[in-house]
Amino acid sequence: MNILSAFAFFSSHGVSFLRAVMDLHAYDLVEYGMSVDQAKRYKRVANAFLGPADSPRVQRETLELAERQGMSVDRLIMIDRHATKVKARGQAWALRAELVAMTGTFDEVNEFAAERVREIVGPTPRKPGVRFSRSRDGMRTMTVTDEQREITDLEKTLDAICAAGKKGADDAASASNAGTQDVVPRSEALRTAFWQHLRDGGGVIKPAYSTVIAIGVDDAFRILSGRGDDVVLGLSDGTTMTGAEYLAAMDAGELGRDIFAGLFHPVSGPVNLYSARFASFKQRMLAKAENLVCPWPECAVPADRCQVHHIDAHAHGGQTEPSNLTMLCPYHNGVNDDEANKRRRGRVDRHFGHVRYTTPSGRIIANRHDNCTRGAMHLIAKKVWV
């Protein structure tokens, strides 16, 4: 069998492949050379086609037909991508059955499926709201969706501020014979006008500062001696700041009146927080300093929006002490396997001092988010443990 024959064999056994995938965790599938994203995609489709269904008869007949046709896993993935967009009971499986029964090329079925979804679901209305992206290269994106009149009025306001600022700059340049001013891109001008409008008109609200900033001892000395411009600090709100920005915030009183010092052991993890505060606050601050984002792999929820989690469940005797606590986002806190002997989704454990995710098969995975390497334990270990 040559390589193309092997590919043809694989392509004609999509349902059998999904059955094999059902028995393994996504992180175990990585051992076969696929990416985590691809493994998760296979798992989602396997659960959709082989898991509990609201139309078991249609499910059974559809799978039998797909096997008889020798349908590829790529085609099954495409079909499921369209089917998951219809939500009414029975509709998803009715669409899967319709698409599996179709003859035609991959592209023809894909085009037909997209049209069928539009017929079934109808137009999707946009929902108003404010959304924030994760930090990347020191930048974040805020997206505001609202009634067109509200957004248009804001745009006009910002344009008026930009126009007033440009006129003032032009007048100043004319008076000093400085010549023509450089043209500022509209997006940049609107950004400046936006913040000016908030600070001068809307008023920026500065909440009580409770975000944790993790600083190693060596870095602290560099910052305090004025050599911290190249020091990058991780924060539990998912962002970063330089040592110089930290000093500026401290001088401006933006860090609050109390400065807290956390004590961490290289193996045991967080030990204590030095300041007069009650236990729950102390323990939360230590947990946030250790894990600035949720430690579950690929999760980007900052610790400020996470929940305190008992690594050894409190219901099973786990103590409410720093070394047994970590921060997990609400979703992963809910799906974490609290009973160590019953593995379904995996769980977080402490391994050589670091909080790591363990798959149901026992594989240990670290979250690769940038701020995971800026937490307190990494600052004292000076390495990433895998």
Protein backbone atom coordinates (compact mmCIF):
# COMPACT_ATOMS: atom_id res chain seq x y z
CA MET A 1 0.00 0.00 0.00
CA ASN A 2 1.52 3.34 -1.06
CA ILE A 3 0.92 6.61 0.75
CA LEU A 4 -2.00 7.67 -1.46
CA SER A 5 -3.69 4.30 -1.00
CA ALA A 6 -3.32 4.72 2.75
CA PHE A 7 -4.88 8.17 2.51
CA ALA A 8 -7.78 6.81 0.45
CA PHE A 9 -8.37 4.10 3.06
CA PHE A 10 -8.41 6.67 5.86
CA SER A 11 -10.69 9.00 3.89
CA SER A 12 -13.29 6.26 3.38
CA HIS A 13 -13.50 5.38 7.09
CA GLY A 14 -14.58 8.68 8.68
CA VAL A 15 -17.10 7.16 11.09
CA SER A 16 -14.62 4.52 12.27
CA PHE A 17 -12.05 7.25 12.89
CA LEU A 18 -14.55 9.22 14.99
CA ARG A 19 -15.31 6.10 17.05
CA ALA A 20 -11.60 5.75 17.81
CA VAL A 21 -11.38 9.43 18.73
CA MET A 22 -14.28 9.11 21.20
CA ASP A 23 -12.20 6.85 23.44
CA LEU A 24 -9.30 9.31 23.82
CA HIS A 25 -8.79 12.73 25.38
CA ALA A 26 -7.84 15.59 23.04
CA TYR A 27 -4.41 15.94 24.64
CA ASP A 28 -3.78 12.23 24.13
CA LEU A 29 -4.55 12.59 20.42
CA VAL A 30 -1.66 15.06 20.20
CA GLU A 31 0.66 12.07 20.57
CA TYR A 32 -0.41 11.04 17.03
CA GLY A 33 1.11 14.18 15.53
CA MET A 34 -1.93 16.45 15.31
CA SER A 35 -2.31 19.90 16.85
CA VAL A 36 -4.41 20.47 19.97
CA ASP A 37 -6.89 22.53 17.94
CA GLN A 38 -7.29 19.73 15.40
CA ALA A 39 -7.68 17.14 18.16
CA LYS A 40 -10.41 19.20 19.81
CA ARG A 41 -12.16 19.61 16.47
CA TYR A 42 -12.20 15.82 16.00
CA LYS A 43 -13.50 15.36 19.56
CA ARG A 44 -16.34 17.86 19.02
CA VAL A 45 -17.47 16.15 15.82
CA ALA A 46 -17.16 12.70 17.39
CA ASN A 47 -19.34 13.77 20.32
CA ALA A 48 -21.86 15.32 17.93
CA PHE A 49 -22.21 12.23 15.73
CA LEU A 50 -21.73 9.48 18.32
CA GLY A 51 -22.84 11.02 21.62
CA PRO A 52 -26.39 11.24 23.05
CA ALA A 53 -28.85 12.58 20.46
CA ASP A 54 -32.39 13.98 20.53
CA SER A 55 -33.21 11.89 17.42
CA PRO A 56 -31.63 8.47 18.07
CA ARG A 57 -33.31 6.73 15.11
CA VAL A 58 -32.19 9.43 12.67
CA GLN A 59 -28.71 9.32 14.25
CA ARG A 60 -28.43 5.55 13.81
CA GLU A 61 -29.66 5.58 10.19
CA THR A 62 -27.42 8.54 9.28
CA LEU A 63 -24.30 6.87 10.69
CA GLU A 64 -25.10 3.62 8.87
CA LEU A 65 -25.49 5.52 5.58
CA ALA A 66 -22.25 7.46 6.14
CA GLU A 67 -20.38 4.19 6.72
CA ARG A 68 -21.88 2.56 3.62
CA GLN A 69 -20.87 5.56 1.54
CA GLY A 70 -17.34 5.56 2.98
CA MET A 71 -17.70 9.20 3.98
CA SER A 72 -14.52 11.05 4.92
CA VAL A 73 -13.93 12.67 8.28
CA ASP A 74 -13.44 16.04 6.54
CA ARG A 75 -16.92 15.80 5.03
CA LEU A 76 -18.41 14.83 8.38
CA ILE A 77 -16.71 17.83 10.00
CA MET A 78 -18.14 20.14 7.33
CA ILE A 79 -21.63 18.69 7.73
CA ASP A 80 -21.52 19.06 11.51
CA ARG A 81 -20.27 22.65 11.27
CA HIS A 82 -23.47 23.58 9.45
CA ALA A 83 -25.76 21.37 11.56
CA THR A 84 -24.67 22.95 14.86
CA LYS A 85 -26.02 26.31 13.66
CA VAL A 86 -29.63 25.10 13.88
CA LYS A 87 -30.89 24.87 17.45
CA ALA A 88 -34.50 23.63 17.49
CA ARG A 89 -35.01 20.08 18.74
CA GLY A 90 -34.44 17.53 15.99
CA GLN A 91 -33.38 20.07 13.36
CA ALA A 92 -29.63 19.46 13.63
CA TRP A 93 -29.98 15.73 13.08
CA ALA A 94 -32.51 16.26 10.27
CA LEU A 95 -29.95 18.48 8.51
CA ARG A 96 -27.11 15.99 9.12
CA ALA A 97 -29.24 13.24 7.61
CA GLU A 98 -30.10 15.41 4.59
CA LEU A 99 -26.49 16.34 3.94
CA VAL A 100 -25.09 12.82 4.44
CA ALA A 101 -27.64 11.53 1.89
CA MET A 102 -26.58 14.10 -0.72
CA THR A 103 -24.45 13.20 -3.69
CA GLY A 104 -22.01 15.70 -5.14
CA THR A 105 -18.60 17.10 -4.42
CA PHE A 106 -17.45 18.46 -1.05
CA ASP A 107 -17.82 22.05 -2.28
CA GLU A 108 -21.29 21.45 -3.71
CA VAL A 109 -22.59 19.98 -0.45
CA ASN A 110 -20.89 22.75 1.54
CA GLU A 111 -22.57 25.47 -0.57
CA PHE A 112 -25.96 23.77 -0.37
CA ALA A 113 -25.63 23.35 3.42
CA ALA A 114 -24.90 27.05 3.93
CA GLU A 115 -28.05 27.96 1.99
CA ARG A 116 -30.15 25.44 3.96
CA VAL A 117 -28.95 26.93 7.25
CA ARG A 118 -29.97 30.41 6.07
CA GLU A 119 -33.41 29.05 5.16
CA ILE A 120 -33.88 27.32 8.53
CA VAL A 121 -32.37 29.88 10.90
CA GLY A 122 -33.09 33.10 9.06
CA PRO A 123 -31.05 36.28 9.53
CA THR A 124 -29.06 36.49 12.76
CA PRO A 125 -29.63 39.82 14.53
CA ARG A 126 -26.59 41.53 15.96
CA LYS A 127 -26.60 41.82 19.73
CA PRO A 128 -25.56 45.03 21.48
CA GLY A 129 -22.71 44.83 23.96
CA VAL A 130 -19.13 45.71 24.81
CA ARG A 131 -16.42 43.12 24.28
CA PHE A 132 -12.73 43.08 25.15
CA SER A 133 -10.04 40.98 23.48
CA ARG A 134 -7.13 39.39 25.32
CA SER A 135 -3.85 41.28 25.54
CA ARG A 136 -1.38 40.78 22.71
CA ASP A 137 1.91 42.63 22.28
CA GLY A 138 0.84 45.14 24.90
CA MET A 139 -2.43 45.99 23.10
CA ARG A 140 -6.09 45.13 23.62
CA THR A 141 -9.17 45.73 21.45
CA MET A 142 -12.53 47.00 22.69
CA THR A 143 -15.57 46.43 20.45
CA VAL A 144 -18.84 48.27 21.10
CA THR A 145 -22.03 47.17 19.34
CA ASP A 146 -25.18 49.26 19.88
CA GLU A 147 -28.02 51.07 18.11
CA GLN A 148 -26.72 52.91 15.04
CA ARG A 149 -27.86 56.28 16.39
CA GLU A 150 -25.88 55.85 19.62
CA ILE A 151 -22.68 54.88 17.80
CA THR A 152 -23.12 57.55 15.13
CA ASP A 153 -23.64 60.28 17.73
CA LEU A 154 -20.45 59.15 19.48
CA GLU A 155 -18.58 59.16 16.17
CA LYS A 156 -19.76 62.70 15.42
CA THR A 157 -18.70 63.82 18.89
CA LEU A 158 -15.21 62.37 18.42
CA ASP A 159 -14.97 63.91 14.94
CA ALA A 160 -15.83 67.31 16.42
CA ILE A 161 -13.12 66.91 19.06
CA CYS A 162 -10.63 65.91 16.33
CA ALA A 163 -11.60 68.91 14.21
CA ALA A 164 -11.20 71.30 17.14
CA GLY A 165 -7.81 69.83 17.98
CA LYS A 166 -6.64 70.05 14.36
CA LYS A 167 -7.79 73.67 14.07
CA GLY A 168 -5.93 74.56 17.25
CA ALA A 169 -2.77 72.85 15.99
CA ASP A 170 -3.04 74.57 12.58
CA ASP A 171 -3.54 77.98 14.21
CA ALA A 172 -0.52 77.42 16.43
CA ALA A 173 1.58 76.30 13.46
CA SER A 174 0.47 79.32 11.41
CA ALA A 175 1.31 81.73 14.20
CA SER A 176 4.80 80.28 14.55
CA ASN A 177 5.34 79.80 10.80
CA ALA A 178 5.96 76.12 11.51
CA GLY A 179 4.47 75.00 8.18
CA THR A 180 1.96 72.22 7.45
CA GLN A 181 1.25 69.72 10.20
CA ASP A 182 1.60 65.99 9.56
CA VAL A 183 -1.68 64.25 8.74
CA VAL A 184 -2.74 61.93 11.59
CA PRO A 185 -4.63 58.75 10.52
CA ARG A 186 -8.31 59.00 11.44
CA SER A 187 -8.27 55.88 13.62
CA GLU A 188 -5.42 57.32 15.70
CA ALA A 189 -7.11 60.72 15.95
CA LEU A 190 -10.39 59.10 17.05
CA ARG A 191 -8.57 57.08 19.69
CA THR A 192 -7.04 60.26 21.14
CA ALA A 193 -10.41 62.03 21.01
CA PHE A 194 -12.12 59.06 22.67
CA TRP A 195 -9.86 59.13 25.71
CA GLN A 196 -10.00 62.92 25.86
CA HIS A 197 -13.80 62.76 25.85
CA LEU A 198 -13.84 60.25 28.68
CA ARG A 199 -11.31 62.09 30.81
CA ASP A 200 -12.67 65.58 30.25
CA GLY A 201 -16.35 64.91 29.77
CA GLY A 202 -17.35 61.43 30.87
CA GLY A 203 -14.86 61.08 33.67
CA VAL A 204 -12.71 57.96 33.95
CA ILE A 205 -13.66 55.86 36.95
CA LYS A 206 -10.67 54.38 38.72
CA PRO A 207 -11.75 51.36 40.78
CA ALA A 208 -10.00 50.32 43.98
CA TYR A 209 -6.81 48.62 42.83
CA SER A 210 -7.00 44.90 43.58
CA THR A 211 -5.16 43.48 40.57
CA VAL A 212 -2.03 41.52 41.49
CA ILE A 213 1.33 42.45 39.96
CA ALA A 214 3.89 39.65 40.21
CA ILE A 215 7.46 40.92 40.75
CA GLY A 216 10.54 38.81 41.39
CA VAL A 217 13.10 39.95 43.97
CA ASP A 218 15.81 40.60 41.35
CA ASP A 219 13.40 42.58 39.19
CA ALA A 220 12.19 44.55 42.22
CA PHE A 221 15.75 45.74 42.94
CA ARG A 222 16.21 46.72 39.29
CA ILE A 223 12.94 48.65 39.23
CA LEU A 224 13.55 50.47 42.50
CA SER A 225 17.06 51.43 41.39
CA GLY A 226 15.69 52.97 38.20
CA ARG A 227 16.86 50.17 35.86
CA GLY A 228 13.49 48.54 35.24
CA ASP A 229 12.56 49.90 31.81
CA ASP A 230 13.11 46.50 30.18
CA VAL A 231 11.42 44.52 32.98
CA VAL A 232 8.00 43.21 31.90
CA LEU A 233 5.59 42.42 34.74
CA GLY A 234 2.51 40.24 34.49
CA LEU A 235 -0.80 41.35 36.00
CA SER A 236 -3.78 39.27 37.06
CA ASP A 237 -6.09 41.29 34.77
CA GLY A 238 -4.40 39.66 31.76
CA THR A 239 -2.16 42.61 30.84
CA THR A 240 1.48 43.53 31.36
CA MET A 241 3.38 46.66 32.40
CA THR A 242 7.02 47.68 32.40
CA GLY A 243 8.98 48.41 35.54
CA ALA A 244 8.93 52.12 34.65
CA GLU A 245 5.12 52.04 34.34
CA TYR A 246 4.94 50.30 37.72
CA LEU A 247 6.97 53.07 39.39
CA ALA A 248 4.84 55.74 37.73
CA ALA A 249 1.65 54.05 38.95
CA MET A 250 3.09 53.80 42.46
CA ASP A 251 4.07 57.49 42.46
CA ALA A 252 0.60 58.45 41.24
CA GLY A 253 -1.03 56.48 44.07
CA GLU A 254 -2.76 54.12 41.63
CA LEU A 255 -1.59 51.01 43.48
CA GLY A 256 -3.48 51.87 46.64
CA ARG A 257 -2.17 52.57 50.11
CA ASP A 258 -1.16 48.99 50.95
CA ILE A 259 1.68 47.10 49.29
CA PHE A 260 1.61 43.33 49.82
CA ALA A 261 4.57 40.92 49.81
CA GLY A 262 3.89 37.27 48.99
CA LEU A 263 6.09 34.41 50.20
CA PHE A 264 6.41 31.38 47.85
CA HIS A 265 8.28 28.10 48.31
CA PRO A 266 9.94 26.63 45.18
CA VAL A 267 8.15 23.27 45.66
CA SER A 268 5.20 23.84 48.00
CA GLY A 269 3.94 27.00 46.29
CA PRO A 270 2.38 29.98 48.08
CA VAL A 271 3.07 30.17 51.82
CA ASN A 272 1.94 33.54 53.16
CA LEU A 273 1.06 37.13 52.37
CA TYR A 274 2.46 39.80 54.60
CA SER A 275 -0.04 42.49 55.52
CA ALA A 276 -2.84 42.75 58.05
CA ARG A 277 -5.73 41.25 56.11
CA PHE A 278 -8.28 38.52 56.80
CA ALA A 279 -7.61 35.01 55.49
CA SER A 280 -9.87 34.87 52.43
CA PHE A 281 -8.40 38.07 50.99
CA LYS A 282 -4.87 36.90 51.76
CA GLN A 283 -5.36 33.52 50.13
CA ARG A 284 -6.99 34.99 47.04
CA MET A 285 -4.14 37.45 46.56
CA LEU A 286 -1.54 34.66 46.87
CA ALA A 287 -3.43 32.46 44.39
CA LYS A 288 -3.68 35.34 41.92
CA ALA A 289 0.02 36.17 42.28
CA GLU A 290 0.92 32.56 41.54
CA ASN A 291 -1.38 32.12 38.52
CA LEU A 292 -2.09 35.40 36.75
CA VAL A 293 -4.42 33.60 34.35
CA CYS A 294 -6.44 30.39 34.67
CA PRO A 295 -3.83 27.55 34.52
CA TRP A 296 -6.03 25.31 32.34
CA PRO A 297 -4.28 24.87 28.93
CA GLU A 298 -5.19 27.50 26.32
CA CYS A 299 -7.42 29.43 28.71
CA ALA A 300 -6.89 33.21 28.67
CA VAL A 301 -9.25 34.32 31.46
CA PRO A 302 -7.26 36.62 33.80
CA ALA A 303 -7.11 35.78 37.50
CA ASP A 304 -9.14 38.89 38.33
CA ARG A 305 -12.14 37.16 36.72
CA CYS A 306 -11.39 33.68 38.10
CA GLN A 307 -12.69 31.80 41.15
CA VAL A 308 -10.65 30.37 44.02
CA HIS A 309 -10.41 26.61 43.53
CA HIS A 310 -9.42 23.88 46.02
CA ILE A 311 -6.92 21.59 44.25
CA ASP A 312 -7.83 18.76 46.65
CA ALA A 313 -11.58 19.26 46.96
CA HIS A 314 -12.78 20.70 50.25
CA ALA A 315 -15.59 18.10 50.26
CA HIS A 316 -12.94 15.36 50.31
CA GLY A 317 -10.80 16.83 53.07
CA GLY A 318 -8.82 19.42 51.12
CA GLN A 319 -7.65 22.25 53.37
CA THR A 320 -8.24 25.96 52.77
CA GLU A 321 -4.55 26.81 52.79
CA PRO A 322 -2.40 28.59 50.17
CA SER A 323 -0.69 25.50 48.77
CA ASN A 324 -4.08 23.86 48.09
CA LEU A 325 -5.61 26.87 46.34
CA THR A 326 -5.42 28.19 42.80
CA MET A 327 -7.45 30.37 40.45
CA LEU A 328 -9.72 28.76 37.82
CA CYS A 329 -12.13 30.50 35.48
CA PRO A 330 -15.81 29.72 36.23
CA TYR A 331 -16.05 27.24 33.33
CA HIS A 332 -12.96 25.19 34.17
CA ASN A 333 -13.75 25.36 37.87
CA GLY A 334 -17.05 23.69 36.99
CA VAL A 335 -15.68 20.93 34.73
CA ASN A 336 -12.56 20.10 36.78
CA ASP A 337 -12.58 16.48 38.04
CA ASP A 338 -12.66 17.05 41.80
CA GLU A 339 -12.49 13.31 42.53
CA ALA A 340 -8.97 12.21 41.61
CA ASN A 341 -10.03 8.59 40.93
CA LYS A 342 -12.83 9.59 38.52
CA ARG A 343 -11.29 11.14 35.44
CA ARG A 344 -13.60 12.52 32.76
CA ARG A 345 -12.40 16.01 31.80
CA GLY A 346 -9.08 16.10 33.64
CA ARG A 347 -8.07 18.21 36.64
CA VAL A 348 -5.50 20.66 37.92
CA ASP A 349 -2.89 19.42 40.38
CA ARG A 350 0.28 20.79 41.92
CA HIS A 351 3.44 19.31 40.36
CA PHE A 352 6.78 20.33 41.87
CA GLY A 353 5.22 23.52 43.13
CA HIS A 354 3.50 24.53 39.87
CA VAL A 355 -0.23 24.17 39.18
CA ARG A 356 -0.66 22.07 36.03
CA TYR A 357 -3.54 20.43 34.18
CA THR A 358 -3.53 16.60 34.12
CA THR A 359 -5.43 14.77 31.37
CA PRO A 360 -7.63 11.75 32.25
CA SER A 361 -4.77 9.52 31.05
CA GLY A 362 -2.25 11.27 33.33
CA ARG A 363 -0.45 13.56 30.87
CA ILE A 364 0.64 16.87 32.45
CA ILE A 365 0.00 20.02 30.36
CA ALA A 366 0.99 23.64 31.06
CA ASN A 367 -0.93 26.69 29.92
CA ARG A 368 1.29 28.58 27.43
CA HIS A 369 -0.30 32.00 27.92
CA ASP A 370 2.43 34.66 28.19
CA ASN A 371 1.41 35.69 31.70
CA CYS A 372 1.68 32.09 32.93
CA THR A 373 5.44 32.52 32.79
CA ARG A 374 5.25 35.76 34.78
CA GLY A 375 3.54 34.40 37.89
CA ALA A 376 5.23 34.17 41.27
CA MET A 377 6.37 30.53 41.01
CA HIS A 378 8.06 31.12 37.67
CA LEU A 379 9.75 34.21 38.98
CA ILE A 380 11.48 32.19 41.69
CA ALA A 381 12.12 29.14 39.49
CA LYS A 382 13.34 31.19 36.48
CA LYS A 383 12.21 28.43 34.09
CA VAL A 384 9.10 26.94 32.52
CA TRP A 385 8.38 23.45 33.86
CA VAL A 386 6.56 21.12 31.47
